[in-house]
Structure formats: structure tokens, C-alpha cells
C-alpha atoms as a PDB file:
ATOM      1  CA  MET A   1      -1.207  19.757   9.666  1.00  0.00           C
ATOM      2  CA  SER A   2       0.804  17.483   7.346  1.00  0.00           C
ATOM      3  CA  ASN A   3       2.822  19.058   4.546  1.00  0.00           C
ATOM      4  CA  SER A   4       1.373  17.720   1.275  1.00  0.00           C
ATOM      5  CA  LYS A   5       3.922  19.274  -1.087  1.00  0.00           C
ATOM      6  CA  SER A   6       5.613  15.922  -1.769  1.00  0.00           C
ATOM      7  CA  ILE A   7       3.501  12.870  -0.881  1.00  0.00           C
ATOM      8  CA  LEU A   8       4.956   9.382  -1.070  1.00  0.00           C
ATOM      9  CA  VAL A   9       2.306   6.716  -1.655  1.00  0.00           C
ATOM     10  CA  ILE A  10       3.586   3.275  -0.651  1.00  0.00           C
ATOM     11  CA  SER A  11       1.783   0.482  -2.414  1.00  0.00           C
ATOM     12  CA  ASP A  12       0.757  -2.971  -1.133  1.00  0.00           C
ATOM     13  CA  MET A  13       3.873  -4.436   0.549  1.00  0.00           C
ATOM     14  CA  HIS A  14       2.308  -7.660   1.860  1.00  0.00           C
ATOM     15  CA  ILE A  15       5.085  -8.095   4.427  1.00  0.00           C
ATOM     16  CA  PRO A  16       6.679 -10.634   5.050  1.00  0.00           C
ATOM     17  CA  TYR A  17       6.124 -11.648   1.414  1.00  0.00           C
ATOM     18  CA  ASN A  18       7.374  -8.284   0.194  1.00  0.00           C
ATOM     19  CA  HIS A  19       9.885  -7.780  -2.591  1.00  0.00           C
ATOM     20  CA  PRO A  20      13.398  -8.618  -1.287  1.00  0.00           C
ATOM     21  CA  ASP A  21      14.633  -5.154  -2.298  1.00  0.00           C
ATOM     22  CA  LEU A  22      11.808  -3.294  -0.551  1.00  0.00           C
ATOM     23  CA  ILE A  23      13.961  -1.568   2.067  1.00  0.00           C
ATOM     24  CA  PRO A  24      16.791  -0.445  -0.279  1.00  0.00           C
ATOM     25  CA  PHE A  25      14.155   0.808  -2.733  1.00  0.00           C
ATOM     26  CA  LEU A  26      12.326   2.836  -0.074  1.00  0.00           C
ATOM     27  CA  ARG A  27      15.628   4.177   1.237  1.00  0.00           C
ATOM     28  CA  ALA A  28      16.584   5.347  -2.262  1.00  0.00           C
ATOM     29  CA  ILE A  29      13.153   6.942  -2.773  1.00  0.00           C
ATOM     30  CA  LYS A  30      13.496   8.869   0.477  1.00  0.00           C
ATOM     31  CA  LYS A  31      16.985  10.088  -0.404  1.00  0.00           C
ATOM     32  CA  LYS A  32      16.061  11.246  -3.922  1.00  0.00           C
ATOM     33  CA  TYR A  33      12.555  12.644  -3.445  1.00  0.00           C
ATOM     34  CA  LYS A  34      12.585  13.729   0.225  1.00  0.00           C
ATOM     35  CA  PRO A  35       8.834  13.232   0.782  1.00  0.00           C
ATOM     36  CA  THR A  36       7.121  15.631   3.151  1.00  0.00           C
ATOM     37  CA  ARG A  37       4.316  13.155   3.831  1.00  0.00           C
ATOM     38  CA  VAL A  38       4.009   9.357   3.594  1.00  0.00           C
ATOM     39  CA  ILE A  39       0.768   7.469   2.983  1.00  0.00           C
ATOM     40  CA  CYS A  40       0.367   3.685   2.715  1.00  0.00           C
ATOM     41  CA  VAL A  41      -2.607   2.437   0.710  1.00  0.00           C
ATOM     42  CA  GLY A  42      -2.957  -0.708   2.822  1.00  0.00           C
ATOM     43  CA  ASP A  43      -2.025  -4.388   2.767  1.00  0.00           C
ATOM     44  CA  GLU A  44       1.130  -3.453   4.619  1.00  0.00           C
ATOM     45  CA  VAL A  45       1.160  -6.979   6.126  1.00  0.00           C
ATOM     46  CA  ASP A  46      -0.078 -10.075   4.292  1.00  0.00           C
ATOM     47  CA  LYS A  47      -1.280 -12.485   7.056  1.00  0.00           C
ATOM     48  CA  HIS A  48      -1.348 -15.367   4.564  1.00  0.00           C
ATOM     49  CA  ALA A  49      -1.697 -18.033   7.270  1.00  0.00           C
ATOM     50  CA  MET A  50      -4.816 -16.279   8.605  1.00  0.00           C
ATOM     51  CA  SER A  51      -6.530 -15.955   5.230  1.00  0.00           C
ATOM     52  CA  PHE A  52     -10.150 -16.941   4.661  1.00  0.00           C
ATOM     53  CA  HIS A  53      -8.792 -18.783   1.596  1.00  0.00           C
ATOM     54  CA  ASP A  54      -6.559 -21.861   1.638  1.00  0.00           C
ATOM     55  CA  SER A  55      -3.056 -21.088   2.920  1.00  0.00           C
ATOM     56  CA  ASP A  56       0.046 -22.862   1.659  1.00  0.00           C
ATOM     57  CA  PRO A  57       1.352 -25.380   4.215  1.00  0.00           C
ATOM     58  CA  ASP A  58       4.925 -24.757   3.043  1.00  0.00           C
ATOM     59  CA  LEU A  59       4.793 -21.139   4.236  1.00  0.00           C
ATOM     60  CA  MET A  60       5.189 -19.765   7.760  1.00  0.00           C
ATOM     61  CA  SER A  61       2.681 -20.076  10.590  1.00  0.00           C
ATOM     62  CA  ALA A  62       0.651 -17.006  11.555  1.00  0.00           C
ATOM     63  CA  GLY A  63       2.922 -16.393  14.549  1.00  0.00           C
ATOM     64  CA  ASP A  64       6.120 -16.648  12.530  1.00  0.00           C
ATOM     65  CA  GLU A  65       4.668 -14.365   9.859  1.00  0.00           C
ATOM     66  CA  LEU A  66       3.885 -11.733  12.475  1.00  0.00           C
ATOM     67  CA  LEU A  67       7.360 -11.836  14.052  1.00  0.00           C
ATOM     68  CA  LYS A  68       9.067 -11.569  10.667  1.00  0.00           C
ATOM     69  CA  SER A  69       6.695  -8.797   9.612  1.00  0.00           C
ATOM     70  CA  ILE A  70       7.493  -6.744  12.725  1.00  0.00           C
ATOM     71  CA  ASN A  71      11.234  -7.113  12.063  1.00  0.00           C
ATOM     72  CA  THR A  72      10.773  -5.721   8.545  1.00  0.00           C
ATOM     73  CA  LEU A  73       8.376  -3.009   9.670  1.00  0.00           C
ATOM     74  CA  LYS A  74      10.861  -1.752  12.269  1.00  0.00           C
ATOM     75  CA  LYS A  75      13.217  -0.841   9.419  1.00  0.00           C
ATOM     76  CA  ILE A  76      10.396   1.081   7.757  1.00  0.00           C
ATOM     77  CA  TYR A  77       9.469   2.805  11.042  1.00  0.00           C
ATOM     78  CA  LYS A  78      13.045   4.075  11.162  1.00  0.00           C
ATOM     79  CA  LEU A  79      12.888   5.311   7.555  1.00  0.00           C
ATOM     80  CA  PHE A  80       9.433   6.868   7.906  1.00  0.00           C
ATOM     81  CA  PRO A  81       8.546   7.623  11.552  1.00  0.00           C
ATOM     82  CA  LYS A  82       5.218   9.206  10.577  1.00  0.00           C
ATOM     83  CA  VAL A  83       2.821   7.456   8.188  1.00  0.00           C
ATOM     84  CA  ASP A  84      -0.904   7.536   7.465  1.00  0.00           C
ATOM     85  CA  LEU A  85      -2.380   4.184   6.392  1.00  0.00           C
ATOM     86  CA  VAL A  86      -5.800   3.295   5.020  1.00  0.00           C
ATOM     87  CA  ASP A  87      -7.828   0.230   5.947  1.00  0.00           C
ATOM     88  CA  SER A  88      -7.458  -2.789   3.664  1.00  0.00           C
ATOM     89  CA  ASN A  89      -8.599  -6.387   3.269  1.00  0.00           C
ATOM     90  CA  HIS A  90      -5.295  -7.859   4.534  1.00  0.00           C
ATOM     91  CA  GLY A  91      -4.764  -5.135   7.116  1.00  0.00           C
ATOM     92  CA  SER A  92      -8.157  -5.826   8.695  1.00  0.00           C
ATOM     93  CA  MET A  93      -7.777  -9.625   8.508  1.00  0.00           C
ATOM     94  CA  VAL A  94      -7.521 -10.230  12.253  1.00  0.00           C
ATOM     95  CA  TYR A  95     -10.634  -8.146  12.951  1.00  0.00           C
ATOM     96  CA  ARG A  96     -12.611  -9.855  10.182  1.00  0.00           C
ATOM     97  CA  LYS A  97     -11.524 -13.219  11.602  1.00  0.00           C
ATOM     98  CA  GLY A  98     -12.653 -12.120  15.044  1.00  0.00           C
ATOM     99  CA  LYS A  99     -16.037 -11.049  13.698  1.00  0.00           C
ATOM    100  CA  ALA A 100     -16.451 -14.331  11.812  1.00  0.00           C
ATOM    101  CA  HIS A 101     -15.832 -16.249  15.029  1.00  0.00           C
ATOM    102  CA  GLY A 102     -17.987 -14.030  17.245  1.00  0.00           C
ATOM    103  CA  ILE A 103     -15.177 -12.215  19.063  1.00  0.00           C
ATOM    104  CA  PRO A 104     -16.123  -8.610  20.000  1.00  0.00           C
ATOM    105  CA  ARG A 105     -13.660  -5.989  18.760  1.00  0.00           C
ATOM    106  CA  LYS A 106     -12.978  -4.821  22.328  1.00  0.00           C
ATOM    107  CA  TYR A 107     -11.286  -8.153  23.111  1.00  0.00           C
ATOM    108  CA  LEU A 108      -8.687  -7.570  20.385  1.00  0.00           C
ATOM    109  CA  ARG A 109      -5.590  -5.427  20.713  1.00  0.00           C
ATOM    110  CA  ASP A 110      -5.101  -2.236  18.726  1.00  0.00           C
ATOM    111  CA  TYR A 111      -3.551  -3.002  15.336  1.00  0.00           C
ATOM    112  CA  GLY A 112      -0.687  -0.537  15.757  1.00  0.00           C
ATOM    113  CA  GLU A 113       0.145  -2.101  19.110  1.00  0.00           C
ATOM    114  CA  VAL A 114       0.254  -5.581  17.546  1.00  0.00           C
ATOM    115  CA  LEU A 115       2.683  -4.347  14.888  1.00  0.00           C
ATOM    116  CA  GLU A 116       4.737  -2.411  17.484  1.00  0.00           C
ATOM    117  CA  ALA A 117       4.235   0.698  15.369  1.00  0.00           C
ATOM    118  CA  PRO A 118       5.065   4.188  16.606  1.00  0.00           C
ATOM    119  CA  LYS A 119       2.099   6.273  17.713  1.00  0.00           C
ATOM    120  CA  THR A 120       2.704   8.472  14.678  1.00  0.00           C
ATOM    121  CA  TRP A 121       1.628   5.621  12.402  1.00  0.00           C
ATOM    122  CA  LYS A 122      -2.121   6.210  12.122  1.00  0.00           C
ATOM    123  CA  TRP A 123      -4.748   4.029  10.433  1.00  0.00           C
ATOM    124  CA  HIS A 124      -7.826   5.494   8.712  1.00  0.00           C
ATOM    125  CA  ASN A 125     -10.799   4.055   6.833  1.00  0.00           C
ATOM    126  CA  ASP A 126      -9.821   6.299   3.922  1.00  0.00           C
ATOM    127  CA  LEU A 127      -8.329   9.767   3.488  1.00  0.00           C
ATOM    128  CA  VAL A 128      -9.132  13.054   1.782  1.00  0.00           C
ATOM    129  CA  VAL A 129      -6.080  15.259   1.360  1.00  0.00           C
ATOM    130  CA  THR A 130      -6.039  18.908   0.335  1.00  0.00           C
ATOM    131  CA  LEU A 131      -3.242  19.422  -2.191  1.00  0.00           C
ATOM    132  CA  PRO A 132      -1.158  22.593  -2.535  1.00  0.00           C
ATOM    133  CA  ASN A 133      -3.311  23.683  -5.527  1.00  0.00           C
ATOM    134  CA  LYS A 134      -6.344  23.527  -3.156  1.00  0.00           C
ATOM    135  CA  GLN A 135      -7.896  20.569  -4.974  1.00  0.00           C
ATOM    136  CA  LYS A 136      -8.909  17.455  -3.034  1.00  0.00           C
ATOM    137  CA  MET A 137      -7.465  13.959  -3.407  1.00  0.00           C
ATOM    138  CA  TYR A 138      -9.254  10.812  -2.203  1.00  0.00           C
ATOM    139  CA  ILE A 139      -7.149   7.825  -1.052  1.00  0.00           C
ATOM    140  CA  CYS A 140      -8.490   4.344  -0.401  1.00  0.00           C
ATOM    141  CA  HIS A 141      -7.195   0.792  -0.612  1.00  0.00           C
ATOM    142  CA  GLY A 142      -9.225  -0.350  -3.596  1.00  0.00           C
ATOM    143  CA  MET A 143     -12.787   0.610  -4.414  1.00  0.00           C
ATOM    144  CA  ASN A 144     -12.993   0.420  -8.209  1.00  0.00           C
ATOM    145  CA  LYS A 145     -10.530  -1.102 -10.673  1.00  0.00           C
ATOM    146  CA  ASN A 146     -11.563   1.638 -13.064  1.00  0.00           C
ATOM    147  CA  GLY A 147      -9.883   4.457 -11.191  1.00  0.00           C
ATOM    148  CA  LEU A 148     -11.247   7.184 -13.439  1.00  0.00           C
ATOM    149  CA  LYS A 149     -14.817   6.110 -12.676  1.00  0.00           C
ATOM    150  CA  LEU A 150     -14.052   6.390  -8.984  1.00  0.00           C
ATOM    151  CA  ALA A 151     -12.519   9.841  -9.461  1.00  0.00           C
ATOM    152  CA  SER A 152     -15.614  10.956 -11.394  1.00  0.00           C
ATOM    153  CA  ALA A 153     -17.933   9.569  -8.704  1.00  0.00           C
ATOM    154  CA  MET A 154     -15.939  11.204  -5.894  1.00  0.00           C
ATOM    155  CA  GLY A 155     -15.592  14.496  -7.748  1.00  0.00           C
ATOM    156  CA  MET A 156     -11.864  14.655  -7.046  1.00  0.00           C
ATOM    157  CA  SER A 157      -8.554  12.996  -7.903  1.00  0.00           C
ATOM    158  CA  THR A 158      -8.046   9.523  -6.449  1.00  0.00           C
ATOM    159  CA  VAL A 159      -5.252   7.153  -5.422  1.00  0.00           C
ATOM    160  CA  GLN A 160      -5.754   3.396  -5.036  1.00  0.00           C
ATOM    161  CA  GLY A 161      -3.735   0.253  -4.393  1.00  0.00           C
ATOM    162  CA  HIS A 162      -5.108  -3.320  -4.100  1.00  0.00           C
ATOM    163  CA  TYR A 163      -5.021  -4.068  -7.847  1.00  0.00           C
ATOM    164  CA  HIS A 164      -1.467  -5.356  -8.157  1.00  0.00           C
ATOM    165  CA  SER A 165      -1.266  -5.256 -11.953  1.00  0.00           C
ATOM    166  CA  GLU A 166      -2.719  -1.748 -12.253  1.00  0.00           C
ATOM    167  CA  PHE A 167      -0.022   0.926 -12.474  1.00  0.00           C
ATOM    168  CA  ASN A 168      -1.337   3.947 -14.295  1.00  0.00           C
ATOM    169  CA  ILE A 169      -2.427   7.573 -14.244  1.00  0.00           C
ATOM    170  CA  GLN A 170      -5.566   8.619 -16.088  1.00  0.00           C
ATOM    171  CA  TYR A 171      -7.033  12.080 -16.514  1.00  0.00           C
ATOM    172  CA  GLY A 172     -10.617  13.250 -16.684  1.00  0.00           C
ATOM    173  CA  SER A 173     -12.342  16.600 -16.555  1.00  0.00           C
ATOM    174  CA  SER A 174     -15.528  18.211 -15.368  1.00  0.00           C
ATOM    175  CA  PRO A 175     -16.851  21.725 -15.992  1.00  0.00           C
ATOM    176  CA  SER A 176     -15.040  22.838 -12.839  1.00  0.00           C
ATOM    177  CA  GLN A 177     -11.697  21.014 -12.824  1.00  0.00           C
ATOM    178  CA  LEU A 178      -9.179  18.605 -14.295  1.00  0.00           C
ATOM    179  CA  TYR A 179      -8.884  15.491 -12.135  1.00  0.00           C
ATOM    180  CA  TRP A 180      -6.867  12.293 -12.242  1.00  0.00           C
ATOM    181  CA  SER A 181      -6.721   8.730 -10.992  1.00  0.00           C
ATOM    182  CA  MET A 182      -3.491   7.013  -9.912  1.00  0.00           C
ATOM    183  CA  MET A 183      -3.164   3.245  -9.376  1.00  0.00           C
ATOM    184  CA  VAL A 184       0.095   2.430  -7.610  1.00  0.00           C
ATOM    185  CA  GLY A 185       0.804  -1.270  -8.244  1.00  0.00           C
ATOM    186  CA  CYS A 186       2.456  -3.195  -5.407  1.00  0.00           C
ATOM    187  CA  LEU A 187       5.741  -4.113  -3.715  1.00  0.00           C
ATOM    188  CA  ILE A 188       5.344  -7.884  -3.429  1.00  0.00           C
ATOM    189  CA  ASP A 189       7.687 -10.777  -4.110  1.00  0.00           C
ATOM    190  CA  ASP A 190       5.849 -12.383  -7.011  1.00  0.00           C
ATOM    191  CA  ASN A 191       7.967 -15.522  -6.603  1.00  0.00           C
ATOM    192  CA  SER A 192       6.565 -16.210  -3.134  1.00  0.00           C
ATOM    193  CA  LEU A 193       4.132 -19.083  -2.663  1.00  0.00           C
ATOM    194  CA  ALA A 194       1.823 -16.530  -1.054  1.00  0.00           C
ATOM    195  CA  PHE A 195       1.057 -15.246  -4.549  1.00  0.00           C
ATOM    196  CA  HIS A 196       0.839 -18.567  -6.348  1.00  0.00           C
ATOM    197  CA  TYR A 197      -2.695 -17.588  -7.358  1.00  0.00           C
ATOM    198  CA  ASN A 198      -1.117 -15.034  -9.704  1.00  0.00           C
ATOM    199  CA  LYS A 199       0.217 -17.824 -11.890  1.00  0.00           C
ATOM    200  CA  ILE A 200      -3.185 -18.600 -13.388  1.00  0.00           C
ATOM    201  CA  THR A 201      -3.601 -15.092 -14.834  1.00  0.00           C
ATOM    202  CA  PRO A 202      -1.653 -13.599 -17.764  1.00  0.00           C
ATOM    203  CA  SER A 203      -1.302 -10.151 -16.152  1.00  0.00           C
ATOM    204  CA  ARG A 204       1.681  -9.784 -13.829  1.00  0.00           C
ATOM    205  CA  PRO A 205       2.029  -7.617 -10.716  1.00  0.00           C
ATOM    206  CA  ILE A 206       3.760  -4.310 -11.377  1.00  0.00           C
ATOM    207  CA  ILE A 207       6.309  -3.442  -8.722  1.00  0.00           C
ATOM    208  CA  GLY A 208       6.493   0.231  -7.824  1.00  0.00           C
ATOM    209  CA  LEU A 209       4.874   3.094  -5.974  1.00  0.00           C
ATOM    210  CA  GLY A 210       3.537   6.583  -6.524  1.00  0.00           C
ATOM    211  CA  MET A 211       4.151  10.160  -5.520  1.00  0.00           C
ATOM    212  CA  VAL A 212       2.144  13.352  -5.700  1.00  0.00           C
ATOM    213  CA  ILE A 213       4.566  16.241  -6.071  1.00  0.00           C
ATOM    214  CA  ASP A 214       3.251  19.803  -6.220  1.00  0.00           C
ATOM    215  CA  SER A 215      -0.261  18.383  -6.721  1.00  0.00           C
ATOM    216  CA  GLN A 216       0.746  16.258  -9.715  1.00  0.00           C
ATOM    217  CA  PRO A 217       0.904  12.428  -9.716  1.00  0.00           C
ATOM    218  CA  ILE A 218       3.957  10.442 -10.811  1.00  0.00           C
ATOM    219  CA  LEU A 219       4.672   6.714 -10.848  1.00  0.00           C
ATOM    220  CA  ILE A 220       8.028   5.212  -9.928  1.00  0.00           C
ATOM    221  CA  PRO A 221       8.494   1.610 -11.049  1.00  0.00           C
ATOM    222  CA  MET A 222      11.003  -0.703  -9.451  1.00  0.00           C
ATOM    223  CA  VAL A 223      12.804  -1.760 -12.617  1.00  0.00           C
ATOM    224  CA  LEU A 224      13.824  -5.386 -12.262  1.00  0.00           C
ATOM    225  CA  LYS A 225      16.762  -7.325 -13.658  1.00  0.00           C
ATOM    226  CA  LYS A 226      16.515 -10.868 -14.954  1.00  0.00           C
ATOM    227  CA  GLY A 227      15.701 -12.974 -11.909  1.00  0.00           C
ATOM    228  CA  GLY A 228      13.389 -10.343 -10.439  1.00  0.00           C
ATOM    229  CA  ARG A 229      15.792  -8.241  -8.384  1.00  0.00           C
ATOM    230  CA  TRP A 230      15.841  -4.411  -8.500  1.00  0.00           C
ATOM    231  CA  ASN A 231      18.449  -2.882 -10.808  1.00  0.00           C
ATOM    232  CA  GLY A 232      19.279  -0.264  -8.170  1.00  0.00           C
ATOM    233  CA  LYS A 233      18.263   2.727 -10.311  1.00  0.00           C
ATOM    234  CA  LEU A 234      15.476   5.266  -9.993  1.00  0.00           C
END
């Protein structure tokens, strides 16, 4: 059974269009907080060239994206040999493409095999974790932008990614317990052409991740310098 005393929640990385300081940031998080469990809320890989939407012709091909993604992921495998991940819209892209084109799932390789992930990286539809205080926590990629409504509907605390500009913790209560919702932002490179769609909205992605330490949620932003690079401080 996984030790849930100190859970690191890695937000949407969208590799290979991740923030350029992703690896140093994760390395610093590991050194300072020493997580006992690591969970990724999905969109670990972007697959921009395979999108159902228009892809930018000035970005990499699907094959080049995959090779570059695996090179980055191998550094993360070394940092975090054991990770639980939840299903996501970008993570499931290849299987949704296969379905759209009438390709049975059995013809397609296992996702972890494609990404050359260790066997201890395990994908789930969603997760329910029992915290040290015996309360439950529900983790999914993104089910409701109003996280507190989701927590109320699930009857437990919740963690979500997907909504890149949402980086918050909200509390609610029922007759039986205090519960909370945590939205963990993302770890993308907002300057990449892969996220050009962001430019038409006033809200900006918030770069950071979350942790649940001794059953309590905390948010850790990646504080950026002018030019968008990490300032190197936690």
C-alpha cells in the first residue's frame, strides 16, 4: 500500500511543450519535500500534432514529439520511479484517434510501453486515496471547473488538473466533515506555439503543482522571473 503521508501532485506537463525549468523544479521539490507518493493528474504528454483540432505546422511532427517526450520523461522516471497517473484528454489522444478511425483498442500498444515507462508507472481512470486522517480524497484530470461543487457531489476532498489557470484551494463542510478542493494549475511553456490558443483569453496559465501533506493541501507555485523562467526558489 502506498504511503500517503506526503503526496506530490504533478500538474499538466504537456511534454514536450513543458516549461523549460520543469526538471530542475521537480528535482528541487523532491529534495525539499521528500514526497512519499507521487500522483500525476494527466496530460503528461501533449500530442499536439495528433490533436483533433488544427495543429501548428511550425511545430514538430507526431513522431518527433514522441521521441522528445520520451527523452524528457526518462529524466522524470529517474526522479520518480513510481507514479500513479489518471486518464486525461491528451493522455488518451492516441486511443481516441484509434476509435475515431475504427481501430480496435487491441491493435494498439499499451500506453506505458509507448512511453517506455517503468512498470511502476500505473495509469487509472481516476483515484480515491485514503489520507492519514482516514478521510477520502478523489483525484481526476478535470471534471468540474468549480472544484468545490465536485467535492460536494463526491462527498470527499478532490484534486483536479486540466484547468490551467485554476490554482486554488477551497473549503466546504457537511454535517459530517470538513472537505476541500485543490486545483493544481499546470507546468506548461506558455510561450510555445502549442498554447497559442491561450492568447485570446485574458486569464493566464498558472505554473505550479500541489501537495497533500499530513492530509492537508498546499500549493507550490513556480515563481517566474521576467522572461518566464523560474527564479530557482521554493
